[in-house]
Amino acid sequence: MITLRELCGLQYFNEGVIAFNNRNYENSISLLSKAQALYGKSDRIAKLKEVATSLHNNTALAARVAMEAAPKTAE
């Protein structure tokens, strides 16, 4: 039987998956953290959070590199 707390954790997990699929990695990480706190140990939640964190970090790095490589405009 699942507890109300675990059910809430699963809801956060589902919302985290939706955010992940929409490429909103920062929100996905936040929701998956809540899912972990409520649901408890889950390899599935941990792995998706790990992937979301990696993609978020790579996206942020790519954006910084692109900004640094962009031609400077005259002021």
C-alpha atoms as a PDB file:
ATOM      1  CA  MET A   1       0.000   0.000   0.000  1.00  0.00           C
ATOM      2  CA  ILE A   2       1.232   3.484  -0.841  1.00  0.00           C
ATOM      3  CA  THR A   3       1.126   6.272   1.719  1.00  0.00           C
ATOM      4  CA  LEU A   4      -0.250   9.747   1.073  1.00  0.00           C
ATOM      5  CA  ARG A   5       3.305  11.089   1.383  1.00  0.00           C
ATOM      6  CA  GLU A   6       4.572   8.680  -1.290  1.00  0.00           C
ATOM      7  CA  LEU A   7       1.628   9.559  -3.521  1.00  0.00           C
ATOM      8  CA  CYS A   8       2.579  13.228  -3.255  1.00  0.00           C
ATOM      9  CA  GLY A   9       6.135  12.254  -4.177  1.00  0.00           C
ATOM     10  CA  LEU A  10       4.872  10.440  -7.258  1.00  0.00           C
ATOM     11  CA  GLN A  11       2.901  13.514  -8.287  1.00  0.00           C
ATOM     12  CA  TYR A  12       6.058  15.630  -8.074  1.00  0.00           C
ATOM     13  CA  PHE A  13       7.880  12.951 -10.072  1.00  0.00           C
ATOM     14  CA  ASN A  14       5.233  13.066 -12.802  1.00  0.00           C
ATOM     15  CA  GLU A  15       5.427  16.856 -12.939  1.00  0.00           C
ATOM     16  CA  GLY A  16       9.222  16.598 -13.046  1.00  0.00           C
ATOM     17  CA  VAL A  17       8.975  14.254 -16.034  1.00  0.00           C
ATOM     18  CA  ILE A  18       6.704  16.721 -17.833  1.00  0.00           C
ATOM     19  CA  ALA A  19       9.147  19.569 -17.158  1.00  0.00           C
ATOM     20  CA  PHE A  20      12.020  17.359 -18.354  1.00  0.00           C
ATOM     21  CA  ASN A  21      10.180  16.509 -21.581  1.00  0.00           C
ATOM     22  CA  ASN A  22       9.576  20.224 -22.129  1.00  0.00           C
ATOM     23  CA  ARG A  23      13.340  20.796 -21.691  1.00  0.00           C
ATOM     24  CA  ASN A  24      12.726  22.884 -18.578  1.00  0.00           C
ATOM     25  CA  TYR A  25      15.587  21.216 -16.735  1.00  0.00           C
ATOM     26  CA  GLU A  26      15.834  23.686 -13.864  1.00  0.00           C
ATOM     27  CA  ASN A  27      12.164  23.187 -12.938  1.00  0.00           C
ATOM     28  CA  SER A  28      12.515  19.433 -13.453  1.00  0.00           C
ATOM     29  CA  ILE A  29      15.408  19.299 -10.975  1.00  0.00           C
ATOM     30  CA  SER A  30      13.369  21.212  -8.386  1.00  0.00           C
ATOM     31  CA  LEU A  31      10.332  18.956  -8.786  1.00  0.00           C
ATOM     32  CA  LEU A  32      12.426  15.785  -8.704  1.00  0.00           C
ATOM     33  CA  SER A  33      14.113  16.976  -5.503  1.00  0.00           C
ATOM     34  CA  LYS A  34      10.677  17.329  -3.916  1.00  0.00           C
ATOM     35  CA  ALA A  35       9.766  13.879  -5.211  1.00  0.00           C
ATOM     36  CA  GLN A  36      12.872  12.398  -3.582  1.00  0.00           C
ATOM     37  CA  ALA A  37      12.111  14.081  -0.283  1.00  0.00           C
ATOM     38  CA  LEU A  38       8.561  12.760  -0.185  1.00  0.00           C
ATOM     39  CA  TYR A  39       8.821   9.395  -1.898  1.00  0.00           C
ATOM     40  CA  GLY A  40      12.143   8.291  -0.474  1.00  0.00           C
ATOM     41  CA  LYS A  41      14.823   6.219  -2.140  1.00  0.00           C
ATOM     42  CA  SER A  42      14.080   5.651  -5.811  1.00  0.00           C
ATOM     43  CA  ASP A  43      16.683   4.849  -8.447  1.00  0.00           C
ATOM     44  CA  ARG A  44      14.312   6.120 -11.151  1.00  0.00           C
ATOM     45  CA  ILE A  45      13.920   9.544  -9.543  1.00  0.00           C
ATOM     46  CA  ALA A  46      17.647   9.797  -8.799  1.00  0.00           C
ATOM     47  CA  LYS A  47      18.672   8.877 -12.352  1.00  0.00           C
ATOM     48  CA  LEU A  48      16.267  11.308 -14.018  1.00  0.00           C
ATOM     49  CA  LYS A  49      17.419  14.077 -11.666  1.00  0.00           C
ATOM     50  CA  GLU A  50      21.033  13.257 -12.548  1.00  0.00           C
ATOM     51  CA  VAL A  51      20.285  13.469 -16.285  1.00  0.00           C
ATOM     52  CA  ALA A  52      18.293  16.703 -15.866  1.00  0.00           C
ATOM     53  CA  THR A  53      21.167  18.242 -13.895  1.00  0.00           C
ATOM     54  CA  SER A  54      23.684  17.235 -16.549  1.00  0.00           C
ATOM     55  CA  LEU A  55      21.542  18.637 -19.369  1.00  0.00           C
ATOM     56  CA  HIS A  56      20.893  21.837 -17.412  1.00  0.00           C
ATOM     57  CA  ASN A  57      24.621  22.326 -16.829  1.00  0.00           C
ATOM     58  CA  ASN A  58      25.448  21.598 -20.478  1.00  0.00           C
ATOM     59  CA  THR A  59      22.751  23.991 -21.691  1.00  0.00           C
ATOM     60  CA  ALA A  60      24.035  26.749 -19.417  1.00  0.00           C
ATOM     61  CA  LEU A  61      27.617  26.141 -20.562  1.00  0.00           C
ATOM     62  CA  ALA A  62      26.605  26.190 -24.241  1.00  0.00           C
ATOM     63  CA  ALA A  63      24.775  29.486 -23.732  1.00  0.00           C
ATOM     64  CA  ARG A  64      27.837  31.051 -22.061  1.00  0.00           C
ATOM     65  CA  VAL A  65      30.147  29.853 -24.832  1.00  0.00           C
ATOM     66  CA  ALA A  66      27.790  31.194 -27.500  1.00  0.00           C
ATOM     67  CA  MET A  67      27.615  34.589 -25.801  1.00  0.00           C
ATOM     68  CA  GLU A  68      31.397  34.756 -25.505  1.00  0.00           C
ATOM     69  CA  ALA A  69      31.813  33.797 -29.170  1.00  0.00           C
ATOM     70  CA  ALA A  70      29.243  36.305 -30.434  1.00  0.00           C
ATOM     71  CA  PRO A  71      30.730  39.291 -32.221  1.00  0.00           C
ATOM     72  CA  LYS A  72      30.919  42.412 -30.130  1.00  0.00           C
ATOM     73  CA  THR A  73      28.822  45.335 -31.249  1.00  0.00           C
ATOM     74  CA  ALA A  74      30.152  48.868 -31.359  1.00  0.00           C
ATOM     75  CA  GLU A  75      28.818  51.078 -28.607  1.00  0.00           C
END
